[in-house]
Amino acid sequence: MRIEVLPGLPEALSNTTDRFGSTQVSVVSRLIEWFTEQSDVIQAGVLGLHPEDVKNELPKMIFDRIRAQRSRLKKPSTPSISESKDHDRSTT
């Protein structure tokens, strides 16, 4: 795999890896893994693919989407009525 690295980035990446004691390969691998796990909106934002008129609203849109996803994950599952009745019977 070949990647495009803009001027100045090799030094910045080297400074980062030195600070954290990791290799450039591991950092780039983790970034690629993170990127591929993101939604299309976030991927397009990282790639700069959104039209100019949306760019100012994009951070809020991404934040709102992440917050909504997290709130869905944090909601405790509510037992169904039949599960509640089964539980009541087993405790009596």
C-alpha atoms as a PDB file:
ATOM      1  CA  MET A   1       0.000   0.000   0.000  1.00  0.00           C
ATOM      2  CA  ARG A   2       1.229   3.450  -0.838  1.00  0.00           C
ATOM      3  CA  ILE A   3       0.032   6.591   0.905  1.00  0.00           C
ATOM      4  CA  GLU A   4       0.408  10.253   0.061  1.00  0.00           C
ATOM      5  CA  VAL A   5       2.231  12.165   2.761  1.00  0.00           C
ATOM      6  CA  LEU A   6       2.256  15.937   2.517  1.00  0.00           C
ATOM      7  CA  PRO A   7       5.417  17.941   3.260  1.00  0.00           C
ATOM      8  CA  GLY A   8       6.081  18.287   6.971  1.00  0.00           C
ATOM      9  CA  LEU A   9       3.956  15.301   7.963  1.00  0.00           C
ATOM     10  CA  PRO A  10       6.767  12.727   8.198  1.00  0.00           C
ATOM     11  CA  GLU A  11       8.442  14.831  10.890  1.00  0.00           C
ATOM     12  CA  ALA A  12       5.150  15.390  12.718  1.00  0.00           C
ATOM     13  CA  LEU A  13       4.380  11.656  12.609  1.00  0.00           C
ATOM     14  CA  SER A  14       7.886  10.876  13.823  1.00  0.00           C
ATOM     15  CA  ASN A  15       7.466  13.310  16.744  1.00  0.00           C
ATOM     16  CA  THR A  16       4.127  11.703  17.631  1.00  0.00           C
ATOM     17  CA  THR A  17       5.468   8.161  17.545  1.00  0.00           C
ATOM     18  CA  ASP A  18       8.526   9.160  19.579  1.00  0.00           C
ATOM     19  CA  ARG A  19       6.292  10.791  22.211  1.00  0.00           C
ATOM     20  CA  PHE A  20       4.089   7.721  22.589  1.00  0.00           C
ATOM     21  CA  GLY A  21       6.750   5.088  22.025  1.00  0.00           C
ATOM     22  CA  SER A  22       4.959   3.467  19.110  1.00  0.00           C
ATOM     23  CA  THR A  23       5.870   2.762  15.516  1.00  0.00           C
ATOM     24  CA  GLN A  24       4.712   4.711  12.494  1.00  0.00           C
ATOM     25  CA  VAL A  25       3.194   1.530  11.085  1.00  0.00           C
ATOM     26  CA  SER A  26       1.073   0.975  14.215  1.00  0.00           C
ATOM     27  CA  VAL A  27      -0.142   4.582  14.279  1.00  0.00           C
ATOM     28  CA  VAL A  28      -1.078   4.575  10.593  1.00  0.00           C
ATOM     29  CA  SER A  29      -2.736   1.148  10.946  1.00  0.00           C
ATOM     30  CA  ARG A  30      -4.855   2.350  13.874  1.00  0.00           C
ATOM     31  CA  LEU A  31      -5.835   5.518  12.026  1.00  0.00           C
ATOM     32  CA  ILE A  32      -6.930   3.495   8.999  1.00  0.00           C
ATOM     33  CA  GLU A  33      -8.854   1.118  11.250  1.00  0.00           C
ATOM     34  CA  TRP A  34     -10.561   4.058  12.988  1.00  0.00           C
ATOM     35  CA  PHE A  35     -11.371   5.746   9.663  1.00  0.00           C
ATOM     36  CA  THR A  36     -12.945   2.654   8.105  1.00  0.00           C
ATOM     37  CA  GLU A  37     -15.197   2.183  11.153  1.00  0.00           C
ATOM     38  CA  GLN A  38     -16.667   5.695  10.886  1.00  0.00           C
ATOM     39  CA  SER A  39     -19.961   6.631   9.260  1.00  0.00           C
ATOM     40  CA  ASP A  40     -20.073   7.980   5.721  1.00  0.00           C
ATOM     41  CA  VAL A  41     -20.619  11.498   7.067  1.00  0.00           C
ATOM     42  CA  ILE A  42     -17.460  11.431   9.146  1.00  0.00           C
ATOM     43  CA  GLN A  43     -15.413   9.793   6.389  1.00  0.00           C
ATOM     44  CA  ALA A  44     -16.574  12.417   3.886  1.00  0.00           C
ATOM     45  CA  GLY A  45     -15.748  15.169   6.406  1.00  0.00           C
ATOM     46  CA  VAL A  46     -12.239  13.835   6.962  1.00  0.00           C
ATOM     47  CA  LEU A  47     -11.739  13.640   3.194  1.00  0.00           C
ATOM     48  CA  GLY A  48     -13.080  17.182   2.718  1.00  0.00           C
ATOM     49  CA  LEU A  49     -15.855  16.043   0.390  1.00  0.00           C
ATOM     50  CA  HIS A  50     -18.710  18.171   1.762  1.00  0.00           C
ATOM     51  CA  PRO A  51     -19.835  21.250  -0.176  1.00  0.00           C
ATOM     52  CA  GLU A  52     -18.736  24.641   1.128  1.00  0.00           C
ATOM     53  CA  ASP A  53     -22.227  25.609   2.326  1.00  0.00           C
ATOM     54  CA  VAL A  54     -22.343  22.556   4.640  1.00  0.00           C
ATOM     55  CA  LYS A  55     -18.815  22.788   6.036  1.00  0.00           C
ATOM     56  CA  ASN A  56     -19.736  25.304   8.747  1.00  0.00           C
ATOM     57  CA  GLU A  57     -22.568  23.072   9.965  1.00  0.00           C
ATOM     58  CA  LEU A  58     -20.614  19.829   9.674  1.00  0.00           C
ATOM     59  CA  PRO A  59     -19.012  19.731  13.150  1.00  0.00           C
ATOM     60  CA  LYS A  60     -22.412  20.168  14.822  1.00  0.00           C
ATOM     61  CA  MET A  61     -23.966  17.540  12.546  1.00  0.00           C
ATOM     62  CA  ILE A  62     -21.219  15.058  13.382  1.00  0.00           C
ATOM     63  CA  PHE A  63     -21.423  15.813  17.109  1.00  0.00           C
ATOM     64  CA  ASP A  64     -25.211  15.390  17.093  1.00  0.00           C
ATOM     65  CA  ARG A  65     -24.917  12.071  15.258  1.00  0.00           C
ATOM     66  CA  ILE A  66     -22.258  10.751  17.660  1.00  0.00           C
ATOM     67  CA  ARG A  67     -24.330  11.858  20.667  1.00  0.00           C
ATOM     68  CA  ALA A  68     -27.423  10.128  19.255  1.00  0.00           C
ATOM     69  CA  GLN A  69     -25.469   6.916  18.635  1.00  0.00           C
ATOM     70  CA  ARG A  70     -24.057   6.960  22.170  1.00  0.00           C
ATOM     71  CA  SER A  71     -27.446   7.566  23.743  1.00  0.00           C
ATOM     72  CA  ARG A  72     -28.881   4.592  21.836  1.00  0.00           C
ATOM     73  CA  LEU A  73     -26.026   2.423  23.122  1.00  0.00           C
ATOM     74  CA  LYS A  74     -26.418   3.570  26.741  1.00  0.00           C
ATOM     75  CA  LYS A  75     -30.174   2.954  27.035  1.00  0.00           C
ATOM     76  CA  PRO A  76     -30.738  -0.068  29.258  1.00  0.00           C
ATOM     77  CA  SER A  77     -32.860  -2.706  27.675  1.00  0.00           C
ATOM     78  CA  THR A  78     -36.350  -2.840  29.105  1.00  0.00           C
ATOM     79  CA  PRO A  79     -37.595  -6.381  29.683  1.00  0.00           C
ATOM     80  CA  SER A  80     -40.663  -7.342  27.746  1.00  0.00           C
ATOM     81  CA  ILE A  81     -43.933  -7.933  29.584  1.00  0.00           C
ATOM     82  CA  SER A  82     -43.555 -11.701  29.293  1.00  0.00           C
ATOM     83  CA  GLU A  83     -40.009 -11.551  30.687  1.00  0.00           C
ATOM     84  CA  SER A  84     -41.237  -9.459  33.632  1.00  0.00           C
ATOM     85  CA  LYS A  85     -44.020 -11.936  34.379  1.00  0.00           C
ATOM     86  CA  ASP A  86     -41.572 -14.856  34.176  1.00  0.00           C
ATOM     87  CA  HIS A  87     -39.235 -13.048  36.552  1.00  0.00           C
ATOM     88  CA  ASP A  88     -42.086 -12.316  38.993  1.00  0.00           C
ATOM     89  CA  ARG A  89     -43.103 -15.966  39.003  1.00  0.00           C
ATOM     90  CA  SER A  90     -39.582 -17.191  39.661  1.00  0.00           C
ATOM     91  CA  THR A  91     -39.121 -14.876  42.648  1.00  0.00           C
ATOM     92  CA  THR A  92     -42.357 -15.803  44.398  1.00  0.00           C
END
